[in-house]
Amino acid sequence: MEIIIDIVCQVYAGQKSRKTIDLVLNTFLPGYEKLNLDYTFPRHDKDYIFKTEDEMIGYFIENPALDQTFYWNKYHDNPDKIMVGANITDDDRLIMSLTMDTTEDKRDMYFNKLKDVLQSDIGVITYVYPAGYEDGEDFIIKYG
């Protein structure tokens, strides 16, 4: 079976939520690497460095109308090279993604499992680059 690289499975996850992000991380990438604390900054203070990953993600969850994408990786015990993405859109929605190197059969299994975990039928598979969309509503319209 041929391995396809940079498969991107994106699924609409509803309203932005740390609980949903953690559910996807723990389902598909247990033992993931924590984000670097200078990954991003608050919109009002580009010099501020978050003290924890929870504070960083919480800032974008708790403040309306902000957009930010986070990616988590795991460098060991990750044969399909899965990377989990969370795109918080400026309309306060969440698009979760899995980027991976795997076969077509496993791609379909991961995509369907991600939709099942998120209880969503709105999603798309692309290659190399994530699908384009303006915000959560646009994702629903394009890929629903």
C-alpha atoms as a PDB file:
ATOM      1  CA  MET A   1       0.000   0.000   0.000  1.00  0.00           C
ATOM      2  CA  GLU A   2       1.262   3.420  -0.976  1.00  0.00           C
ATOM      3  CA  ILE A   3       1.845   6.041   1.705  1.00  0.00           C
ATOM      4  CA  ILE A   4       0.428   9.451   0.794  1.00  0.00           C
ATOM      5  CA  ILE A   5       2.091  12.398   2.516  1.00  0.00           C
ATOM      6  CA  ASP A   6       0.483  15.558   3.873  1.00  0.00           C
ATOM      7  CA  ILE A   7      -3.126  14.401   3.915  1.00  0.00           C
ATOM      8  CA  VAL A   8      -5.259  17.028   5.692  1.00  0.00           C
ATOM      9  CA  CYS A   9      -8.637  15.984   7.145  1.00  0.00           C
ATOM     10  CA  GLN A  10     -10.660  18.959   8.433  1.00  0.00           C
ATOM     11  CA  VAL A  11     -13.960  18.694  10.298  1.00  0.00           C
ATOM     12  CA  TYR A  12     -16.281  21.333  11.718  1.00  0.00           C
ATOM     13  CA  ALA A  13     -16.441  21.017  15.503  1.00  0.00           C
ATOM     14  CA  GLY A  14     -19.054  23.626  16.460  1.00  0.00           C
ATOM     15  CA  GLN A  15     -18.441  26.385  18.987  1.00  0.00           C
ATOM     16  CA  LYS A  16     -14.836  26.862  20.110  1.00  0.00           C
ATOM     17  CA  SER A  17     -14.095  24.782  23.177  1.00  0.00           C
ATOM     18  CA  ARG A  18     -11.007  23.603  25.038  1.00  0.00           C
ATOM     19  CA  LYS A  19     -12.883  20.406  25.906  1.00  0.00           C
ATOM     20  CA  THR A  20     -13.296  19.615  22.191  1.00  0.00           C
ATOM     21  CA  ILE A  21      -9.645  20.385  21.446  1.00  0.00           C
ATOM     22  CA  ASP A  22      -8.542  18.113  24.305  1.00  0.00           C
ATOM     23  CA  LEU A  23     -10.891  15.347  23.134  1.00  0.00           C
ATOM     24  CA  VAL A  24      -9.302  15.322  19.671  1.00  0.00           C
ATOM     25  CA  LEU A  25      -5.763  15.576  21.049  1.00  0.00           C
ATOM     26  CA  ASN A  26      -6.264  12.728  23.489  1.00  0.00           C
ATOM     27  CA  THR A  27      -8.021  10.561  20.891  1.00  0.00           C
ATOM     28  CA  PHE A  28      -5.536  10.945  18.042  1.00  0.00           C
ATOM     29  CA  LEU A  29      -2.289  12.122  19.620  1.00  0.00           C
ATOM     30  CA  PRO A  30      -1.957  10.951  23.234  1.00  0.00           C
ATOM     31  CA  GLY A  31       1.323  12.125  24.700  1.00  0.00           C
ATOM     32  CA  TYR A  32       1.501  15.076  22.282  1.00  0.00           C
ATOM     33  CA  GLU A  33       4.201  17.731  22.591  1.00  0.00           C
ATOM     34  CA  LYS A  34       3.013  20.848  24.421  1.00  0.00           C
ATOM     35  CA  LEU A  35       3.023  24.099  22.469  1.00  0.00           C
ATOM     36  CA  ASN A  36       5.941  26.496  22.854  1.00  0.00           C
ATOM     37  CA  LEU A  37       4.789  29.320  25.112  1.00  0.00           C
ATOM     38  CA  ASP A  38       5.816  31.917  22.518  1.00  0.00           C
ATOM     39  CA  TYR A  39       3.673  30.199  19.848  1.00  0.00           C
ATOM     40  CA  THR A  40       1.448  33.297  19.734  1.00  0.00           C
ATOM     41  CA  PHE A  41       0.593  36.298  21.879  1.00  0.00           C
ATOM     42  CA  PRO A  42      -2.451  38.234  23.076  1.00  0.00           C
ATOM     43  CA  ARG A  43      -3.716  40.657  20.425  1.00  0.00           C
ATOM     44  CA  HIS A  44      -3.278  43.602  22.788  1.00  0.00           C
ATOM     45  CA  ASP A  45       0.351  42.849  23.805  1.00  0.00           C
ATOM     46  CA  LYS A  46       2.746  41.293  21.294  1.00  0.00           C
ATOM     47  CA  ASP A  47       5.518  41.185  23.892  1.00  0.00           C
ATOM     48  CA  TYR A  48       3.568  39.091  26.408  1.00  0.00           C
ATOM     49  CA  ILE A  49       4.568  35.426  26.670  1.00  0.00           C
ATOM     50  CA  PHE A  50       1.901  33.077  27.974  1.00  0.00           C
ATOM     51  CA  LYS A  51       2.831  31.204  31.138  1.00  0.00           C
ATOM     52  CA  THR A  52       1.127  27.912  30.185  1.00  0.00           C
ATOM     53  CA  GLU A  53      -0.454  26.228  27.183  1.00  0.00           C
ATOM     54  CA  ASP A  54      -3.799  26.364  29.013  1.00  0.00           C
ATOM     55  CA  GLU A  55      -3.526  30.139  29.423  1.00  0.00           C
ATOM     56  CA  MET A  56      -2.673  30.548  25.729  1.00  0.00           C
ATOM     57  CA  ILE A  57      -5.548  28.473  24.417  1.00  0.00           C
ATOM     58  CA  GLY A  58      -7.899  29.863  27.057  1.00  0.00           C
ATOM     59  CA  TYR A  59      -7.213  33.395  25.856  1.00  0.00           C
ATOM     60  CA  PHE A  60      -8.476  32.546  22.364  1.00  0.00           C
ATOM     61  CA  ILE A  61     -11.411  30.495  23.666  1.00  0.00           C
ATOM     62  CA  GLU A  62     -12.572  33.127  26.161  1.00  0.00           C
ATOM     63  CA  ASN A  63     -12.211  36.210  23.976  1.00  0.00           C
ATOM     64  CA  PRO A  64     -14.752  36.605  21.179  1.00  0.00           C
ATOM     65  CA  ALA A  65     -13.976  37.408  17.546  1.00  0.00           C
ATOM     66  CA  LEU A  66     -10.339  36.264  17.588  1.00  0.00           C
ATOM     67  CA  ASP A  67      -8.860  33.806  15.140  1.00  0.00           C
ATOM     68  CA  GLN A  68      -5.890  31.538  15.756  1.00  0.00           C
ATOM     69  CA  THR A  69      -4.695  28.160  14.567  1.00  0.00           C
ATOM     70  CA  PHE A  70      -2.708  25.797  16.774  1.00  0.00           C
ATOM     71  CA  TYR A  71      -0.866  22.639  15.705  1.00  0.00           C
ATOM     72  CA  TRP A  72       0.339  19.850  17.979  1.00  0.00           C
ATOM     73  CA  ASN A  73       2.815  17.167  17.041  1.00  0.00           C
ATOM     74  CA  LYS A  74       4.373  14.086  18.511  1.00  0.00           C
ATOM     75  CA  TYR A  75       7.822  12.972  17.422  1.00  0.00           C
ATOM     76  CA  HIS A  76       7.888   9.447  18.888  1.00  0.00           C
ATOM     77  CA  ASP A  77       5.427   6.548  18.644  1.00  0.00           C
ATOM     78  CA  ASN A  78       3.501   8.267  15.860  1.00  0.00           C
ATOM     79  CA  PRO A  79       3.852   6.000  12.791  1.00  0.00           C
ATOM     80  CA  ASP A  80       1.335   7.938  10.640  1.00  0.00           C
ATOM     81  CA  LYS A  81       3.001  11.253  11.585  1.00  0.00           C
ATOM     82  CA  ILE A  82      -0.304  12.695  12.769  1.00  0.00           C
ATOM     83  CA  MET A  83      -0.422  16.385  13.590  1.00  0.00           C
ATOM     84  CA  VAL A  84      -3.578  17.766  15.244  1.00  0.00           C
ATOM     85  CA  GLY A  85      -4.763  21.249  14.318  1.00  0.00           C
ATOM     86  CA  ALA A  86      -7.335  23.495  15.963  1.00  0.00           C
ATOM     87  CA  ASN A  87      -8.492  26.518  13.973  1.00  0.00           C
ATOM     88  CA  ILE A  88     -10.419  28.968  16.139  1.00  0.00           C
ATOM     89  CA  THR A  89     -12.271  31.244  13.727  1.00  0.00           C
ATOM     90  CA  ASP A  90     -13.226  34.874  14.240  1.00  0.00           C
ATOM     91  CA  ASP A  91     -16.902  33.877  14.383  1.00  0.00           C
ATOM     92  CA  ASP A  92     -16.090  31.789  17.486  1.00  0.00           C
ATOM     93  CA  ARG A  93     -16.246  28.389  15.841  1.00  0.00           C
ATOM     94  CA  LEU A  94     -13.759  25.552  15.727  1.00  0.00           C
ATOM     95  CA  ILE A  95     -12.403  23.516  12.824  1.00  0.00           C
ATOM     96  CA  MET A  96     -10.294  20.531  13.898  1.00  0.00           C
ATOM     97  CA  SER A  97      -7.795  18.862  11.592  1.00  0.00           C
ATOM     98  CA  LEU A  98      -5.547  15.849  11.313  1.00  0.00           C
ATOM     99  CA  THR A  99      -2.535  16.089   9.016  1.00  0.00           C
ATOM    100  CA  MET A 100      -0.830  12.766   8.353  1.00  0.00           C
ATOM    101  CA  ASP A 101       1.233  10.519   6.119  1.00  0.00           C
ATOM    102  CA  THR A 102      -0.683   7.294   5.572  1.00  0.00           C
ATOM    103  CA  THR A 103      -2.552   5.059   3.138  1.00  0.00           C
ATOM    104  CA  GLU A 104      -5.923   5.831   1.515  1.00  0.00           C
ATOM    105  CA  ASP A 105      -7.645   3.247   3.713  1.00  0.00           C
ATOM    106  CA  LYS A 106      -6.240   4.700   6.927  1.00  0.00           C
ATOM    107  CA  ARG A 107      -6.967   8.236   5.700  1.00  0.00           C
ATOM    108  CA  ASP A 108     -10.633   7.340   5.369  1.00  0.00           C
ATOM    109  CA  MET A 109     -10.630   5.641   8.779  1.00  0.00           C
ATOM    110  CA  TYR A 110      -9.081   8.717  10.456  1.00  0.00           C
ATOM    111  CA  PHE A 111     -11.451  11.119   8.649  1.00  0.00           C
ATOM    112  CA  ASN A 112     -14.514   9.112   9.652  1.00  0.00           C
ATOM    113  CA  LYS A 113     -13.283   8.726  13.222  1.00  0.00           C
ATOM    114  CA  LEU A 114     -12.667  12.481  13.476  1.00  0.00           C
ATOM    115  CA  LYS A 115     -16.206  13.144  12.223  1.00  0.00           C
ATOM    116  CA  ASP A 116     -17.544  10.597  14.718  1.00  0.00           C
ATOM    117  CA  VAL A 117     -15.599  12.046  17.667  1.00  0.00           C
ATOM    118  CA  LEU A 118     -16.823  15.543  16.767  1.00  0.00           C
ATOM    119  CA  GLN A 119     -20.334  14.322  15.914  1.00  0.00           C
ATOM    120  CA  SER A 120     -20.156  16.255  12.632  1.00  0.00           C
ATOM    121  CA  ASP A 121     -20.728  15.429   8.980  1.00  0.00           C
ATOM    122  CA  ILE A 122     -19.152  18.676   7.787  1.00  0.00           C
ATOM    123  CA  GLY A 123     -15.613  18.066   6.590  1.00  0.00           C
ATOM    124  CA  VAL A 124     -13.154  17.901   3.737  1.00  0.00           C
ATOM    125  CA  ILE A 125      -9.942  16.086   2.809  1.00  0.00           C
ATOM    126  CA  THR A 126      -7.178  17.999   1.039  1.00  0.00           C
ATOM    127  CA  TYR A 127      -3.528  17.375   0.346  1.00  0.00           C
ATOM    128  CA  VAL A 128      -0.506  19.430   1.465  1.00  0.00           C
ATOM    129  CA  TYR A 129      -2.523  22.585   2.282  1.00  0.00           C
ATOM    130  CA  PRO A 130      -5.633  22.923   4.445  1.00  0.00           C
ATOM    131  CA  ALA A 131      -8.859  23.853   2.657  1.00  0.00           C
ATOM    132  CA  GLY A 132      -9.540  27.539   2.235  1.00  0.00           C
ATOM    133  CA  TYR A 133     -12.369  29.278   4.091  1.00  0.00           C
ATOM    134  CA  GLU A 134     -13.031  32.660   5.698  1.00  0.00           C
ATOM    135  CA  ASP A 135     -14.554  31.547   9.005  1.00  0.00           C
ATOM    136  CA  GLY A 136     -16.679  28.808  10.549  1.00  0.00           C
ATOM    137  CA  GLU A 137     -19.833  29.765   8.638  1.00  0.00           C
ATOM    138  CA  ASP A 138     -17.923  29.741   5.335  1.00  0.00           C
ATOM    139  CA  PHE A 139     -16.529  26.277   6.163  1.00  0.00           C
ATOM    140  CA  ILE A 140     -20.082  25.000   6.767  1.00  0.00           C
ATOM    141  CA  ILE A 141     -21.309  26.454   3.469  1.00  0.00           C
ATOM    142  CA  LYS A 142     -18.392  25.100   1.420  1.00  0.00           C
ATOM    143  CA  TYR A 143     -17.984  21.669   2.966  1.00  0.00           C
ATOM    144  CA  GLY A 144     -21.339  20.873   4.598  1.00  0.00           C
END
